[in-house]
Amino acid sequence: MLMDASERIQEMMRRFEEQAQQAGQLKDKMQEVRGRASSDDGSVSVEVAPSGAVVDLRLSPEAMRQSHSALQQAILGAIRAATQNAAQQMDEVVDPALGERAEQFKEAFNAHSRPPQDEAPAGRSSGGDDEDFSHGSYLR
């Protein structure tokens, strides 16, 4: 039996409302994602948002006893590990919800999260010589 125009419109509205609800739930789950990691010795702990922004950095008293270069490496290593952790969590949240559209979403998310090519972050060159730890995932 064929649906009349009114039934088709109602069905389209139902599907739209369902998709909007799923999108809202996905957004809420994504906002809860936080990558966390610590240095090997536990002197540095880092938490990052899905965008890669550092939202928490904790240094133990032992961290302050390290040389400046060792502390720098411990902080950067913890940030990289936390970023990878956040990317893995994002995969776990987004992939089931978006299925085959997940890769397209990741590309859009990465494009939105990165500064434009001609605009490097403060103190960084745009020469492209730093490593990409994202392994094809969300954070770069």
Protein backbone atom coordinates (compact mmCIF):
# COMPACT_ATOMS: atom_id res chain seq x y z
CA MET A 1 0.00 0.00 0.00
CA LEU A 2 1.37 3.39 -0.95
CA MET A 3 1.82 6.10 1.62
CA ASP A 4 0.04 9.34 0.95
CA ALA A 5 1.93 12.66 1.08
CA SER A 6 0.96 13.33 4.69
CA GLU A 7 2.29 9.94 5.84
CA ARG A 8 5.54 10.45 3.92
CA ILE A 9 6.04 13.85 5.54
CA GLN A 10 5.36 12.40 8.99
CA GLU A 11 7.86 9.59 8.33
CA MET A 12 10.49 12.08 7.14
CA MET A 13 9.92 14.24 10.24
CA ARG A 14 10.22 11.17 12.49
CA ARG A 15 13.53 10.20 10.87
CA PHE A 16 14.80 13.79 11.08
CA GLU A 17 13.94 14.00 14.79
CA GLU A 18 15.63 10.65 15.41
CA GLN A 19 18.79 11.79 13.60
CA ALA A 20 18.80 15.09 15.50
CA GLN A 21 18.53 13.21 18.79
CA GLN A 22 21.40 10.89 17.81
CA ALA A 23 23.52 13.88 16.79
CA GLY A 24 22.87 15.53 20.15
CA GLN A 25 23.86 12.36 22.00
CA LEU A 26 27.03 12.06 19.91
CA LYS A 27 27.93 15.68 20.63
CA ASP A 28 27.44 15.12 24.37
CA LYS A 29 29.65 12.02 24.31
CA MET A 30 32.35 13.85 22.34
CA GLN A 31 32.41 16.70 24.86
CA GLU A 32 33.06 14.19 27.64
CA VAL A 33 36.16 12.77 25.94
CA ARG A 34 39.41 13.57 27.72
CA GLY A 35 42.75 11.98 26.95
CA ARG A 36 44.93 11.34 29.96
CA ALA A 37 48.52 10.21 30.32
CA SER A 38 51.49 10.43 32.63
CA SER A 39 55.23 10.37 32.13
CA ASP A 40 56.99 7.04 32.71
CA ASP A 41 58.06 8.08 36.21
CA GLY A 42 54.67 9.62 37.04
CA SER A 43 56.12 13.07 37.66
CA VAL A 44 54.02 14.65 34.87
CA SER A 45 50.30 14.10 34.28
CA VAL A 46 48.38 15.64 31.39
CA GLU A 47 44.74 15.83 30.30
CA VAL A 48 43.73 16.95 26.80
CA ALA A 49 40.42 17.77 25.13
CA PRO A 50 39.38 16.15 21.82
CA SER A 51 40.82 19.16 19.98
CA GLY A 52 44.24 18.40 21.49
CA ALA A 53 44.13 21.39 23.82
CA VAL A 54 45.82 20.76 27.16
CA VAL A 55 43.18 21.22 29.86
CA ASP A 56 45.23 20.06 32.83
CA LEU A 57 48.94 19.68 33.56
CA ARG A 58 50.20 18.43 36.90
CA LEU A 59 53.81 18.34 37.99
CA SER A 60 54.91 16.43 41.06
CA PRO A 61 57.71 17.71 43.31
CA GLU A 62 59.94 15.10 41.62
CA ALA A 63 59.31 16.79 38.26
CA MET A 64 60.91 19.96 39.53
CA ARG A 65 64.11 18.08 40.36
CA GLN A 66 64.64 17.16 36.70
CA SER A 67 66.71 19.18 34.29
CA HIS A 68 64.73 21.60 32.15
CA SER A 69 65.28 19.45 29.05
CA ALA A 70 64.22 16.24 30.81
CA LEU A 71 61.10 17.96 32.14
CA GLN A 72 60.33 19.33 28.69
CA GLN A 73 60.61 15.86 27.17
CA ALA A 74 58.44 14.35 29.94
CA ILE A 75 55.74 16.99 29.36
CA LEU A 76 55.78 16.59 25.57
CA GLY A 77 55.73 12.80 25.84
CA ALA A 78 52.76 12.90 28.21
CA ILE A 79 50.92 15.32 25.90
CA ARG A 80 51.52 13.02 22.91
CA ALA A 81 50.29 9.99 24.84
CA ALA A 82 47.22 11.85 26.12
CA THR A 83 46.47 13.03 22.58
CA GLN A 84 46.65 9.46 21.30
CA ASN A 85 44.39 8.38 24.16
CA ALA A 86 41.83 11.07 23.27
CA ALA A 87 41.94 10.05 19.60
CA GLN A 88 41.32 6.42 20.52
CA GLN A 89 38.36 7.42 22.68
CA MET A 90 36.97 9.54 19.85
CA ASP A 91 37.22 6.53 17.53
CA GLU A 92 35.27 4.47 20.07
CA VAL A 93 32.56 7.15 20.29
CA VAL A 94 32.29 8.21 16.65
CA ASP A 95 32.88 5.03 14.63
CA PRO A 96 29.83 3.11 15.90
CA ALA A 97 27.58 6.15 15.53
CA LEU A 98 28.69 7.21 12.05
CA GLY A 99 29.76 3.93 10.47
CA GLU A 100 31.09 4.51 6.97
CA ARG A 101 30.80 8.30 7.38
CA ALA A 102 33.31 8.28 10.27
CA GLU A 103 36.34 8.93 8.02
CA GLN A 104 34.63 11.94 6.45
CA PHE A 105 33.83 13.25 9.94
CA LYS A 106 37.47 12.80 11.04
CA GLU A 107 38.72 14.80 8.06
CA ALA A 108 36.30 17.62 8.84
CA PHE A 109 37.18 17.53 12.55
CA ASN A 110 40.92 17.69 11.77
CA ALA A 111 40.44 20.56 9.32
CA HIS A 112 38.48 22.49 11.95
CA SER A 113 41.01 21.79 14.75
CA ARG A 114 44.19 22.80 12.87
CA PRO A 115 45.41 26.35 12.30
CA PRO A 116 45.50 27.40 8.63
CA GLN A 117 48.64 26.26 6.77
CA ASP A 118 50.15 29.76 6.68
CA GLU A 119 49.46 30.38 10.36
CA ALA A 120 51.66 28.34 12.69
CA PRO A 121 51.02 28.25 16.45
CA ALA A 122 53.03 30.78 18.48
CA GLY A 123 56.66 29.83 18.78
CA ARG A 124 56.44 27.21 16.04
CA SER A 125 57.55 27.31 12.45
CA SER A 126 55.16 26.26 9.73
CA GLY A 127 57.95 24.32 8.07
CA GLY A 128 56.19 21.03 8.77
CA ASP A 129 59.17 19.49 10.53
CA ASP A 130 57.31 18.34 13.62
CA GLU A 131 55.96 14.81 13.89
CA ASP A 132 52.34 13.85 13.27
CA PHE A 133 51.32 11.55 16.11
CA SER A 134 47.71 11.22 15.03
CA HIS A 135 48.15 8.06 12.94
CA GLY A 136 45.20 9.01 10.74
CA SER A 137 42.93 9.76 13.65
CA TYR A 138 41.45 12.92 15.11
CA LEU A 139 44.21 14.87 16.69
CA ARG A 140 47.27 16.26 15.02
